[in-house]
Amino acid sequence: MLVLWEDKETLTTDTVYWCCKGRCDDMLQKRYRKPGNNDLWDELVEYTNPTHYIVMLVNYLDSVNKNRHFTAEALAKFRKFLILMFHQVARELTPKEAEIVKLEMGYGMM
């Protein structure tokens, strides 16, 4: 899973990491949880679909343009994540992924 820790008040992401669910995530939560912070997370599989990947990236860019911020360290980690995941999405959609995208677009989810 991809985890971003964001200050609720300033909407600043100061921690980014990816890990396995369960024990690994529990240990990292204890390490990075601070008063006033929210952990935002997604399943890594969400970033392996080419269309989901680019929509997610555009959504992050939009949110940063509006009111969200990243610390330099968090942004560096997020960039690294995007680069590492790119090899999963630099391809054509599978038939199943294409069907999911078609359904989501039909329901206005993209």
PDB file of N, CA and C in Angstrom:
ATOM      1  N   MET A   1       0.828  -1.181   0.000  1.00  0.00           N
ATOM      2  CA  MET A   1       0.000   0.000   0.000  1.00  0.00           C
ATOM      3  C   MET A   1       0.872   1.244   0.000  1.00  0.00           C
ATOM      4  N   LEU A   2       0.333   2.320  -0.571  1.00  0.00           N
ATOM      5  CA  LEU A   2       1.006   3.622  -0.548  1.00  0.00           C
ATOM      6  C   LEU A   2       0.369   4.432   0.568  1.00  0.00           C
ATOM      7  N   VAL A   3       1.185   5.020   1.427  1.00  0.00           N
ATOM      8  CA  VAL A   3       0.687   5.784   2.564  1.00  0.00           C
ATOM      9  C   VAL A   3       1.271   7.190   2.533  1.00  0.00           C
ATOM     10  N   LEU A   4       0.405   8.178   2.697  1.00  0.00           N
ATOM     11  CA  LEU A   4       0.818   9.579   2.801  1.00  0.00           C
ATOM     12  C   LEU A   4       0.272  10.102   4.125  1.00  0.00           C
ATOM     13  N   TRP A   5       1.113  10.746   4.906  1.00  0.00           N
ATOM     14  CA  TRP A   5       0.682  11.372   6.156  1.00  0.00           C
ATOM     15  C   TRP A   5       0.543  12.864   5.905  1.00  0.00           C
ATOM     16  N   GLU A   6      -0.649  13.381   6.194  1.00  0.00           N
ATOM     17  CA  GLU A   6      -0.957  14.772   5.899  1.00  0.00           C
ATOM     18  C   GLU A   6      -1.444  15.491   7.150  1.00  0.00           C
ATOM     19  N   ASP A   7      -0.920  16.695   7.371  1.00  0.00           N
ATOM     20  CA  ASP A   7      -1.391  17.553   8.462  1.00  0.00           C
ATOM     21  C   ASP A   7      -2.789  18.050   8.097  1.00  0.00           C
ATOM     22  N   LYS A   8      -3.768  17.793   8.974  1.00  0.00           N
ATOM     23  CA  LYS A   8      -5.164  18.164   8.700  1.00  0.00           C
ATOM     24  C   LYS A   8      -5.346  19.664   8.519  1.00  0.00           C
ATOM     25  N   GLU A   9      -4.603  20.441   9.261  1.00  0.00           N
ATOM     26  CA  GLU A   9      -4.770  21.893   9.256  1.00  0.00           C
ATOM     27  C   GLU A   9      -4.136  22.552   8.029  1.00  0.00           C
ATOM     28  N   THR A  10      -2.884  22.195   7.747  1.00  0.00           N
ATOM     29  CA  THR A  10      -2.150  22.853   6.663  1.00  0.00           C
ATOM     30  C   THR A  10      -2.254  22.108   5.334  1.00  0.00           C
ATOM     31  N   LEU A  11      -2.811  20.904   5.365  1.00  0.00           N
ATOM     32  CA  LEU A  11      -2.903  20.044   4.177  1.00  0.00           C
ATOM     33  C   LEU A  11      -1.523  19.807   3.558  1.00  0.00           C
ATOM     34  N   THR A  12      -0.532  19.646   4.435  1.00  0.00           N
ATOM     35  CA  THR A  12       0.832  19.386   3.999  1.00  0.00           C
ATOM     36  C   THR A  12       1.178  17.927   4.251  1.00  0.00           C
ATOM     37  N   THR A  13       1.597  17.247   3.194  1.00  0.00           N
ATOM     38  CA  THR A  13       2.061  15.864   3.309  1.00  0.00           C
ATOM     39  C   THR A  13       3.527  15.907   3.686  1.00  0.00           C
ATOM     40  N   ASP A  14       3.850  15.273   4.823  1.00  0.00           N
ATOM     41  CA  ASP A  14       5.241  15.297   5.262  1.00  0.00           C
ATOM     42  C   ASP A  14       5.899  13.927   5.264  1.00  0.00           C
ATOM     43  N   THR A  15       5.114  12.876   5.049  1.00  0.00           N
ATOM     44  CA  THR A  15       5.669  11.523   5.033  1.00  0.00           C
ATOM     45  C   THR A  15       4.994  10.715   3.935  1.00  0.00           C
ATOM     46  N   VAL A  16       5.806  10.021   3.159  1.00  0.00           N
ATOM     47  CA  VAL A  16       5.306   9.123   2.120  1.00  0.00           C
ATOM     48  C   VAL A  16       6.096   7.826   2.225  1.00  0.00           C
ATOM     49  N   TYR A  17       5.395   6.697   2.196  1.00  0.00           N
ATOM     50  CA  TYR A  17       6.068   5.398   2.148  1.00  0.00           C
ATOM     51  C   TYR A  17       5.130   4.369   1.549  1.00  0.00           C
ATOM     52  N   TRP A  18       5.691   3.258   1.139  1.00  0.00           N
ATOM     53  CA  TRP A  18       4.897   2.138   0.673  1.00  0.00           C
ATOM     54  C   TRP A  18       5.351   0.916   1.450  1.00  0.00           C
ATOM     55  N   CYS A  19       4.390   0.045   1.727  1.00  0.00           N
ATOM     56  CA  CYS A  19       4.663  -1.102   2.578  1.00  0.00           C
ATOM     57  C   CYS A  19       3.596  -2.172   2.378  1.00  0.00           C
ATOM     58  N   CYS A  20       3.798  -3.301   3.039  1.00  0.00           N
ATOM     59  CA  CYS A  20       2.794  -4.361   3.068  1.00  0.00           C
ATOM     60  C   CYS A  20       1.755  -4.005   4.122  1.00  0.00           C
ATOM     61  N   LYS A  21       0.540  -4.509   3.920  1.00  0.00           N
ATOM     62  CA  LYS A  21      -0.501  -4.301   4.936  1.00  0.00           C
ATOM     63  C   LYS A  21      -0.211  -5.192   6.134  1.00  0.00           C
ATOM     64  N   GLY A  22      -0.820  -4.845   7.246  1.00  0.00           N
ATOM     65  CA  GLY A  22      -0.672  -5.673   8.440  1.00  0.00           C
ATOM     66  C   GLY A  22       0.434  -5.191   9.338  1.00  0.00           C
ATOM     67  N   ARG A  23       1.278  -6.111   9.734  1.00  0.00           N
ATOM     68  CA  ARG A  23       2.320  -5.827  10.730  1.00  0.00           C
ATOM     69  C   ARG A  23       3.254  -4.696  10.293  1.00  0.00           C
ATOM     70  N   CYS A  24       3.677  -4.731   9.036  1.00  0.00           N
ATOM     71  CA  CYS A  24       4.587  -3.692   8.535  1.00  0.00           C
ATOM     72  C   CYS A  24       3.927  -2.314   8.627  1.00  0.00           C
ATOM     73  N   ASP A  25       2.691  -2.218   8.142  1.00  0.00           N
ATOM     74  CA  ASP A  25       1.980  -0.940   8.198  1.00  0.00           C
ATOM     75  C   ASP A  25       1.739  -0.510   9.642  1.00  0.00           C
ATOM     76  N   ASP A  26       1.384  -1.449  10.515  1.00  0.00           N
ATOM     77  CA  ASP A  26       1.156  -1.117  11.931  1.00  0.00           C
ATOM     78  C   ASP A  26       2.412  -0.512  12.560  1.00  0.00           C
ATOM     79  N   MET A  27       3.567  -1.095  12.258  1.00  0.00           N
ATOM     80  CA  MET A  27       4.823  -0.588  12.820  1.00  0.00           C
ATOM     81  C   MET A  27       5.133   0.816  12.290  1.00  0.00           C
ATOM     82  N   LEU A  28       4.912   1.022  11.005  1.00  0.00           N
ATOM     83  CA  LEU A  28       5.193   2.332  10.418  1.00  0.00           C
ATOM     84  C   LEU A  28       4.195   3.386  10.894  1.00  0.00           C
ATOM     85  N   GLN A  29       2.938   2.992  11.122  1.00  0.00           N
ATOM     86  CA  GLN A  29       1.953   3.936  11.663  1.00  0.00           C
ATOM     87  C   GLN A  29       2.404   4.452  13.019  1.00  0.00           C
ATOM     88  N   LYS A  30       2.874   3.555  13.872  1.00  0.00           N
ATOM     89  CA  LYS A  30       3.343   3.961  15.205  1.00  0.00           C
ATOM     90  C   LYS A  30       4.511   4.939  15.088  1.00  0.00           C
ATOM     91  N   ARG A  31       5.348   4.712  14.095  1.00  0.00           N
ATOM     92  CA  ARG A  31       6.533   5.553  13.913  1.00  0.00           C
ATOM     93  C   ARG A  31       6.186   6.956  13.403  1.00  0.00           C
ATOM     94  N   TYR A  32       5.215   7.050  12.499  1.00  0.00           N
ATOM     95  CA  TYR A  32       4.952   8.318  11.824  1.00  0.00           C
ATOM     96  C   TYR A  32       3.697   9.060  12.282  1.00  0.00           C
ATOM     97  N   ARG A  33       2.844   8.430  13.062  1.00  0.00           N
ATOM     98  CA  ARG A  33       1.614   9.107  13.509  1.00  0.00           C
ATOM     99  C   ARG A  33       1.968  10.287  14.404  1.00  0.00           C
ATOM    100  N   LYS A  34       1.334  11.434  14.112  1.00  0.00           N
ATOM    101  CA  LYS A  34       1.504  12.642  14.914  1.00  0.00           C
ATOM    102  C   LYS A  34       0.121  13.208  15.199  1.00  0.00           C
ATOM    103  N   PRO A  35      -0.022  13.935  16.302  1.00  0.00           N
ATOM    104  CA  PRO A  35      -1.316  14.583  16.546  1.00  0.00           C
ATOM    105  C   PRO A  35      -1.648  15.531  15.383  1.00  0.00           C
ATOM    106  N   GLY A  36      -2.870  15.472  14.918  1.00  0.00           N
ATOM    107  CA  GLY A  36      -3.309  16.350  13.839  1.00  0.00           C
ATOM    108  C   GLY A  36      -3.014  15.846  12.446  1.00  0.00           C
ATOM    109  N   ASN A  37      -2.466  14.635  12.325  1.00  0.00           N
ATOM    110  CA  ASN A  37      -2.166  14.077  11.005  1.00  0.00           C
ATOM    111  C   ASN A  37      -3.162  12.984  10.632  1.00  0.00           C
ATOM    112  N   ASN A  38      -3.448  12.912   9.360  1.00  0.00           N
ATOM    113  CA  ASN A  38      -4.261  11.830   8.790  1.00  0.00           C
ATOM    114  C   ASN A  38      -3.373  10.968   7.927  1.00  0.00           C
ATOM    115  N   ASP A  39      -3.625   9.665   7.951  1.00  0.00           N
ATOM    116  CA  ASP A  39      -2.928   8.820   6.985  1.00  0.00           C
ATOM    117  C   ASP A  39      -3.882   8.544   5.832  1.00  0.00           C
ATOM    118  N   LEU A  40      -3.411   8.840   4.649  1.00  0.00           N
ATOM    119  CA  LEU A  40      -4.160   8.606   3.417  1.00  0.00           C
ATOM    120  C   LEU A  40      -3.466   7.446   2.718  1.00  0.00           C
ATOM    121  N   TRP A  41      -4.218   6.444   2.314  1.00  0.00           N
ATOM    122  CA  TRP A  41      -3.562   5.306   1.694  1.00  0.00           C
ATOM    123  C   TRP A  41      -4.381   4.752   0.541  1.00  0.00           C
ATOM    124  N   ASP A  42      -3.675   4.082  -0.339  1.00  0.00           N
ATOM    125  CA  ASP A  42      -4.267   3.402  -1.483  1.00  0.00           C
ATOM    126  C   ASP A  42      -3.603   2.048  -1.630  1.00  0.00           C
ATOM    127  N   GLU A  43      -4.343   1.128  -2.212  1.00  0.00           N
ATOM    128  CA  GLU A  43      -3.775  -0.168  -2.581  1.00  0.00           C
ATOM    129  C   GLU A  43      -2.812   0.062  -3.743  1.00  0.00           C
ATOM    130  N   LEU A  44      -1.685  -0.623  -3.750  1.00  0.00           N
ATOM    131  CA  LEU A  44      -0.731  -0.466  -4.842  1.00  0.00           C
ATOM    132  C   LEU A  44      -1.331  -0.862  -6.184  1.00  0.00           C
ATOM    133  N   VAL A  45      -2.241  -1.807  -6.176  1.00  0.00           N
ATOM    134  CA  VAL A  45      -2.871  -2.239  -7.425  1.00  0.00           C
ATOM    135  C   VAL A  45      -3.576  -1.082  -8.119  1.00  0.00           C
ATOM    136  N   GLU A  46      -4.003  -0.063  -7.359  1.00  0.00           N
ATOM    137  CA  GLU A  46      -4.637   1.109  -7.958  1.00  0.00           C
ATOM    138  C   GLU A  46      -3.687   1.847  -8.888  1.00  0.00           C
ATOM    139  N   TYR A  47      -2.392   1.685  -8.685  1.00  0.00           N
ATOM    140  CA  TYR A  47      -1.390   2.398  -9.471  1.00  0.00           C
ATOM    141  C   TYR A  47      -0.808   1.551 -10.596  1.00  0.00           C
ATOM    142  N   THR A  48      -1.321   0.333 -10.787  1.00  0.00           N
ATOM    143  CA  THR A  48      -0.798  -0.528 -11.845  1.00  0.00           C
ATOM    144  C   THR A  48      -1.644  -0.481 -13.110  1.00  0.00           C
ATOM    145  N   ASN A  49      -2.821   0.097 -13.042  1.00  0.00           N
ATOM    146  CA  ASN A  49      -3.668   0.265 -14.213  1.00  0.00           C
ATOM    147  C   ASN A  49      -3.244   1.565 -14.892  1.00  0.00           C
ATOM    148  N   PRO A  50      -2.864   1.530 -16.172  1.00  0.00           N
ATOM    149  CA  PRO A  50      -2.376   2.739 -16.837  1.00  0.00           C
ATOM    150  C   PRO A  50      -3.326   3.934 -16.740  1.00  0.00           C
ATOM    151  N   THR A  51      -4.609   3.720 -16.928  1.00  0.00           N
ATOM    152  CA  THR A  51      -5.552   4.836 -16.875  1.00  0.00           C
ATOM    153  C   THR A  51      -5.702   5.351 -15.452  1.00  0.00           C
ATOM    154  N   HIS A  52      -5.799   4.460 -14.476  1.00  0.00           N
ATOM    155  CA  HIS A  52      -5.889   4.893 -13.078  1.00  0.00           C
ATOM    156  C   HIS A  52      -4.646   5.681 -12.681  1.00  0.00           C
ATOM    157  N   TYR A  53      -3.498   5.222 -13.138  1.00  0.00           N
ATOM    158  CA  TYR A  53      -2.233   5.879 -12.808  1.00  0.00           C
ATOM    159  C   TYR A  53      -2.240   7.336 -13.276  1.00  0.00           C
ATOM    160  N   ILE A  54      -2.586   7.557 -14.537  1.00  0.00           N
ATOM    161  CA  ILE A  54      -2.536   8.926 -15.052  1.00  0.00           C
ATOM    162  C   ILE A  54      -3.632   9.790 -14.429  1.00  0.00           C
ATOM    163  N   VAL A  55      -4.804   9.219 -14.172  1.00  0.00           N
ATOM    164  CA  VAL A  55      -5.877   9.981 -13.511  1.00  0.00           C
ATOM    165  C   VAL A  55      -5.430  10.360 -12.098  1.00  0.00           C
ATOM    166  N   MET A  56      -4.817   9.421 -11.376  1.00  0.00           N
ATOM    167  CA  MET A  56      -4.314   9.707 -10.026  1.00  0.00           C
ATOM    168  C   MET A  56      -3.277  10.817 -10.074  1.00  0.00           C
ATOM    169  N   LEU A  57      -2.372  10.750 -11.038  1.00  0.00           N
ATOM    170  CA  LEU A  57      -1.323  11.751 -11.145  1.00  0.00           C
ATOM    171  C   LEU A  57      -1.914  13.133 -11.432  1.00  0.00           C
ATOM    172  N   VAL A  58      -2.857  13.202 -12.329  1.00  0.00           N
ATOM    173  CA  VAL A  58      -3.515  14.476 -12.635  1.00  0.00           C
ATOM    174  C   VAL A  58      -4.258  14.998 -11.409  1.00  0.00           C
ATOM    175  N   ASN A  59      -4.926  14.116 -10.674  1.00  0.00           N
ATOM    176  CA  ASN A  59      -5.639  14.531  -9.453  1.00  0.00           C
ATOM    177  C   ASN A  59      -4.679  15.087  -8.408  1.00  0.00           C
ATOM    178  N   TYR A  60      -3.508  14.451  -8.238  1.00  0.00           N
ATOM    179  CA  TYR A  60      -2.513  14.983  -7.295  1.00  0.00           C
ATOM    180  C   TYR A  60      -2.026  16.352  -7.745  1.00  0.00           C
ATOM    181  N   LEU A  61      -1.767  16.504  -9.036  1.00  0.00           N
ATOM    182  CA  LEU A  61      -1.325  17.804  -9.550  1.00  0.00           C
ATOM    183  C   LEU A  61      -2.387  18.869  -9.307  1.00  0.00           C
ATOM    184  N   ASP A  62      -3.643  18.522  -9.553  1.00  0.00           N
ATOM    185  CA  ASP A  62      -4.734  19.471  -9.304  1.00  0.00           C
ATOM    186  C   ASP A  62      -4.804  19.862  -7.833  1.00  0.00           C
ATOM    187  N   SER A  63      -4.676  18.880  -6.934  1.00  0.00           N
ATOM    188  CA  SER A  63      -4.786  19.180  -5.506  1.00  0.00           C
ATOM    189  C   SER A  63      -3.624  20.034  -5.022  1.00  0.00           C
ATOM    190  N   VAL A  64      -2.429  19.806  -5.565  1.00  0.00           N
ATOM    191  CA  VAL A  64      -1.267  20.628  -5.193  1.00  0.00           C
ATOM    192  C   VAL A  64      -1.455  22.040  -5.725  1.00  0.00           C
ATOM    193  N   ASN A  65      -2.028  22.164  -6.895  1.00  0.00           N
ATOM    194  CA  ASN A  65      -2.269  23.478  -7.473  1.00  0.00           C
ATOM    195  C   ASN A  65      -3.298  24.267  -6.662  1.00  0.00           C
ATOM    196  N   LYS A  66      -4.211  23.575  -6.011  1.00  0.00           N
ATOM    197  CA  LYS A  66      -5.262  24.241  -5.236  1.00  0.00           C
ATOM    198  C   LYS A  66      -4.792  24.589  -3.831  1.00  0.00           C
ATOM    199  N   ASN A  67      -4.532  23.560  -2.998  1.00  0.00           N
ATOM    200  CA  ASN A  67      -4.252  23.881  -1.598  1.00  0.00           C
ATOM    201  C   ASN A  67      -3.410  22.839  -0.861  1.00  0.00           C
ATOM    202  N   ARG A  68      -3.041  21.767  -1.506  1.00  0.00           N
ATOM    203  CA  ARG A  68      -2.249  20.751  -0.820  1.00  0.00           C
ATOM    204  C   ARG A  68      -0.760  20.993  -1.084  1.00  0.00           C
ATOM    205  N   HIS A  69       0.063  20.552  -0.141  1.00  0.00           N
ATOM    206  CA  HIS A  69       1.499  20.781  -0.229  1.00  0.00           C
ATOM    207  C   HIS A  69       2.246  19.510   0.151  1.00  0.00           C
ATOM    208  N   PHE A  70       3.467  19.406  -0.318  1.00  0.00           N
ATOM    209  CA  PHE A  70       4.375  18.329   0.072  1.00  0.00           C
ATOM    210  C   PHE A  70       5.633  18.972   0.630  1.00  0.00           C
ATOM    211  N   THR A  71       6.175  18.403   1.687  1.00  0.00           N
ATOM    212  CA  THR A  71       7.507  18.815   2.108  1.00  0.00           C
ATOM    213  C   THR A  71       8.474  18.302   1.039  1.00  0.00           C
ATOM    214  N   ALA A  72       9.685  18.842   1.020  1.00  0.00           N
ATOM    215  CA  ALA A  72      10.672  18.418   0.023  1.00  0.00           C
ATOM    216  C   ALA A  72      10.951  16.926   0.121  1.00  0.00           C
ATOM    217  N   GLU A  73      11.074  16.423   1.343  1.00  0.00           N
ATOM    218  CA  GLU A  73      11.358  14.997   1.540  1.00  0.00           C
ATOM    219  C   GLU A  73      10.191  14.133   1.065  1.00  0.00           C
ATOM    220  N   ALA A  74       8.967  14.524   1.413  1.00  0.00           N
ATOM    221  CA  ALA A  74       7.791  13.749   1.009  1.00  0.00           C
ATOM    222  C   ALA A  74       7.638  13.763  -0.510  1.00  0.00           C
ATOM    223  N   LEU A  75       7.887  14.902  -1.134  1.00  0.00           N
ATOM    224  CA  LEU A  75       7.783  14.992  -2.585  1.00  0.00           C
ATOM    225  C   LEU A  75       8.831  14.110  -3.263  1.00  0.00           C
ATOM    226  N   ALA A  76      10.027  14.083  -2.726  1.00  0.00           N
ATOM    227  CA  ALA A  76      11.085  13.228  -3.273  1.00  0.00           C
ATOM    228  C   ALA A  76      10.678  11.754  -3.201  1.00  0.00           C
ATOM    229  N   LYS A  77      10.085  11.352  -2.077  1.00  0.00           N
ATOM    230  CA  LYS A  77       9.621   9.963  -1.928  1.00  0.00           C
ATOM    231  C   LYS A  77       8.484   9.660  -2.883  1.00  0.00           C
ATOM    232  N   PHE A  78       7.550  10.604  -3.048  1.00  0.00           N
ATOM    233  CA  PHE A  78       6.419  10.400  -3.939  1.00  0.00           C
ATOM    234  C   PHE A  78       6.907  10.298  -5.388  1.00  0.00           C
ATOM    235  N   ARG A  79       7.849  11.136  -5.767  1.00  0.00           N
ATOM    236  CA  ARG A  79       8.440  11.047  -7.108  1.00  0.00           C
ATOM    237  C   ARG A  79       9.071   9.675  -7.331  1.00  0.00           C
ATOM    238  N   LYS A  80       9.810   9.207  -6.338  1.00  0.00           N
ATOM    239  CA  LYS A  80      10.447   7.890  -6.452  1.00  0.00           C
ATOM    240  C   LYS A  80       9.386   6.816  -6.644  1.00  0.00           C
ATOM    241  N   PHE A  81       8.306   6.888  -5.886  1.00  0.00           N
ATOM    242  CA  PHE A  81       7.213   5.919  -6.025  1.00  0.00           C
ATOM    243  C   PHE A  81       6.659   5.947  -7.444  1.00  0.00           C
ATOM    244  N   LEU A  82       6.397   7.142  -7.972  1.00  0.00           N
ATOM    245  CA  LEU A  82       5.835   7.265  -9.319  1.00  0.00           C
ATOM    246  C   LEU A  82       6.772   6.680 -10.366  1.00  0.00           C
ATOM    247  N   ILE A  83       8.053   6.920 -10.216  1.00  0.00           N
ATOM    248  CA  ILE A  83       9.044   6.382 -11.159  1.00  0.00           C
ATOM    249  C   ILE A  83       9.094   4.858 -11.060  1.00  0.00           C
ATOM    250  N   LEU A  84       9.103   4.324  -9.848  1.00  0.00           N
ATOM    251  CA  LEU A  84       9.145   2.877  -9.672  1.00  0.00           C
ATOM    252  C   LEU A  84       7.897   2.190 -10.216  1.00  0.00           C
ATOM    253  N   MET A  85       6.760   2.843 -10.104  1.00  0.00           N
ATOM    254  CA  MET A  85       5.504   2.242 -10.579  1.00  0.00           C
ATOM    255  C   MET A  85       5.321   2.387 -12.081  1.00  0.00           C
ATOM    256  N   PHE A  86       6.039   3.300 -12.704  1.00  0.00           N
ATOM    257  CA  PHE A  86       5.804   3.574 -14.117  1.00  0.00           C
ATOM    258  C   PHE A  86       5.963   2.330 -14.987  1.00  0.00           C
ATOM    259  N   HIS A  87       6.915   1.465 -14.671  1.00  0.00           N
ATOM    260  CA  HIS A  87       7.107   0.274 -15.510  1.00  0.00           C
ATOM    261  C   HIS A  87       5.879  -0.639 -15.490  1.00  0.00           C
ATOM    262  N   GLN A  88       5.044  -0.510 -14.465  1.00  0.00           N
ATOM    263  CA  GLN A  88       3.808  -1.292 -14.400  1.00  0.00           C
ATOM    264  C   GLN A  88       2.733  -0.738 -15.329  1.00  0.00           C
ATOM    265  N   VAL A  89       2.833   0.546 -15.680  1.00  0.00           N
ATOM    266  CA  VAL A  89       1.764   1.191 -16.432  1.00  0.00           C
ATOM    267  C   VAL A  89       2.182   1.600 -17.847  1.00  0.00           C
ATOM    268  N   ALA A  90       3.441   1.465 -18.193  1.00  0.00           N
ATOM    269  CA  ALA A  90       3.909   1.835 -19.522  1.00  0.00           C
ATOM    270  C   ALA A  90       3.594   0.683 -20.485  1.00  0.00           C
ATOM    271  N   ARG A  91       2.296   0.460 -20.684  1.00  0.00           N
ATOM    272  CA  ARG A  91       1.836  -0.662 -21.500  1.00  0.00           C
ATOM    273  C   ARG A  91       0.383  -0.408 -21.891  1.00  0.00           C
ATOM    274  N   GLU A  92      -0.147  -1.244 -22.748  1.00  0.00           N
ATOM    275  CA  GLU A  92      -1.555  -1.137 -23.106  1.00  0.00           C
ATOM    276  C   GLU A  92      -2.401  -1.789 -22.018  1.00  0.00           C
ATOM    277  N   LEU A  93      -3.641  -1.339 -21.928  1.00  0.00           N
ATOM    278  CA  LEU A  93      -4.570  -1.928 -20.962  1.00  0.00           C
ATOM    279  C   LEU A  93      -4.861  -3.383 -21.315  1.00  0.00           C
ATOM    280  N   THR A  94      -5.025  -4.206 -20.286  1.00  0.00           N
ATOM    281  CA  THR A  94      -5.520  -5.556 -20.528  1.00  0.00           C
ATOM    282  C   THR A  94      -7.015  -5.448 -20.842  1.00  0.00           C
ATOM    283  N   PRO A  95      -7.615  -6.458 -21.442  1.00  0.00           N
ATOM    284  CA  PRO A  95      -9.057  -6.387 -21.706  1.00  0.00           C
ATOM    285  C   PRO A  95      -9.878  -6.145 -20.434  1.00  0.00           C
ATOM    286  N   LYS A  96      -9.482  -6.759 -19.327  1.00  0.00           N
ATOM    287  CA  LYS A  96     -10.210  -6.562 -18.064  1.00  0.00           C
ATOM    288  C   LYS A  96     -10.071  -5.114 -17.585  1.00  0.00           C
ATOM    289  N   GLU A  97      -8.858  -4.549 -17.650  1.00  0.00           N
ATOM    290  CA  GLU A  97      -8.647  -3.156 -17.248  1.00  0.00           C
ATOM    291  C   GLU A  97      -9.440  -2.204 -18.136  1.00  0.00           C
ATOM    292  N   ALA A  98      -9.468  -2.486 -19.429  1.00  0.00           N
ATOM    293  CA  ALA A  98     -10.214  -1.636 -20.362  1.00  0.00           C
ATOM    294  C   ALA A  98     -11.707  -1.643 -20.012  1.00  0.00           C
ATOM    295  N   GLU A  99     -12.225  -2.793 -19.639  1.00  0.00           N
ATOM    296  CA  GLU A  99     -13.641  -2.896 -19.262  1.00  0.00           C
ATOM    297  C   GLU A  99     -13.921  -2.110 -17.981  1.00  0.00           C
ATOM    298  N   ILE A 100     -13.023  -2.197 -17.004  1.00  0.00           N
ATOM    299  CA  ILE A 100     -13.184  -1.450 -15.752  1.00  0.00           C
ATOM    300  C   ILE A 100     -13.170   0.051 -16.028  1.00  0.00           C
ATOM    301  N   VAL A 101     -12.232   0.500 -16.847  1.00  0.00           N
ATOM    302  CA  VAL A 101     -12.148   1.921 -17.191  1.00  0.00           C
ATOM    303  C   VAL A 101     -13.422   2.363 -17.900  1.00  0.00           C
ATOM    304  N   LYS A 102     -13.900   1.559 -18.828  1.00  0.00           N
ATOM    305  CA  LYS A 102     -15.127   1.879 -19.553  1.00  0.00           C
ATOM    306  C   LYS A 102     -16.301   2.032 -18.590  1.00  0.00           C
ATOM    307  N   LEU A 103     -16.437   1.110 -17.640  1.00  0.00           N
ATOM    308  CA  LEU A 103     -17.510   1.189 -16.644  1.00  0.00           C
ATOM    309  C   LEU A 103     -17.371   2.429 -15.772  1.00  0.00           C
ATOM    310  N   GLU A 104     -16.157   2.698 -15.283  1.00  0.00           N
ATOM    311  CA  GLU A 104     -15.929   3.847 -14.411  1.00  0.00           C
ATOM    312  C   GLU A 104     -16.208   5.157 -15.147  1.00  0.00           C
ATOM    313  N   MET A 105     -15.844   5.236 -16.399  1.00  0.00           N
ATOM    314  CA  MET A 105     -16.111   6.441 -17.174  1.00  0.00           C
ATOM    315  C   MET A 105     -17.615   6.589 -17.390  1.00  0.00           C
ATOM    316  N   GLY A 106     -18.297   5.477 -17.611  1.00  0.00           N
ATOM    317  CA  GLY A 106     -19.749   5.509 -17.780  1.00  0.00           C
ATOM    318  C   GLY A 106     -20.478   5.979 -16.543  1.00  0.00           C
ATOM    319  N   TYR A 107     -19.923   5.697 -15.371  1.00  0.00           N
ATOM    320  CA  TYR A 107     -20.522   6.121 -14.102  1.00  0.00           C
ATOM    321  C   TYR A 107     -19.989   7.471 -13.640  1.00  0.00           C
ATOM    322  N   GLY A 108     -19.157   8.110 -14.461  1.00  0.00           N
ATOM    323  CA  GLY A 108     -18.631   9.430 -14.097  1.00  0.00           C
ATOM    324  C   GLY A 108     -17.569   9.384 -13.015  1.00  0.00           C
ATOM    325  N   MET A 109     -16.932   8.251 -12.836  1.00  0.00           N
ATOM    326  CA  MET A 109     -15.913   8.121 -11.800  1.00  0.00           C
ATOM    327  C   MET A 109     -14.541   8.605 -12.274  1.00  0.00           C
ATOM    328  N   MET A 110     -14.420   8.904 -13.564  1.00  0.00           N
ATOM    329  CA  MET A 110     -13.152   9.424 -14.126  1.00  0.00           C
ATOM    330  C   MET A 110     -13.456  10.655 -14.916  1.00  0.00           C
TER     331      MET A 110
END
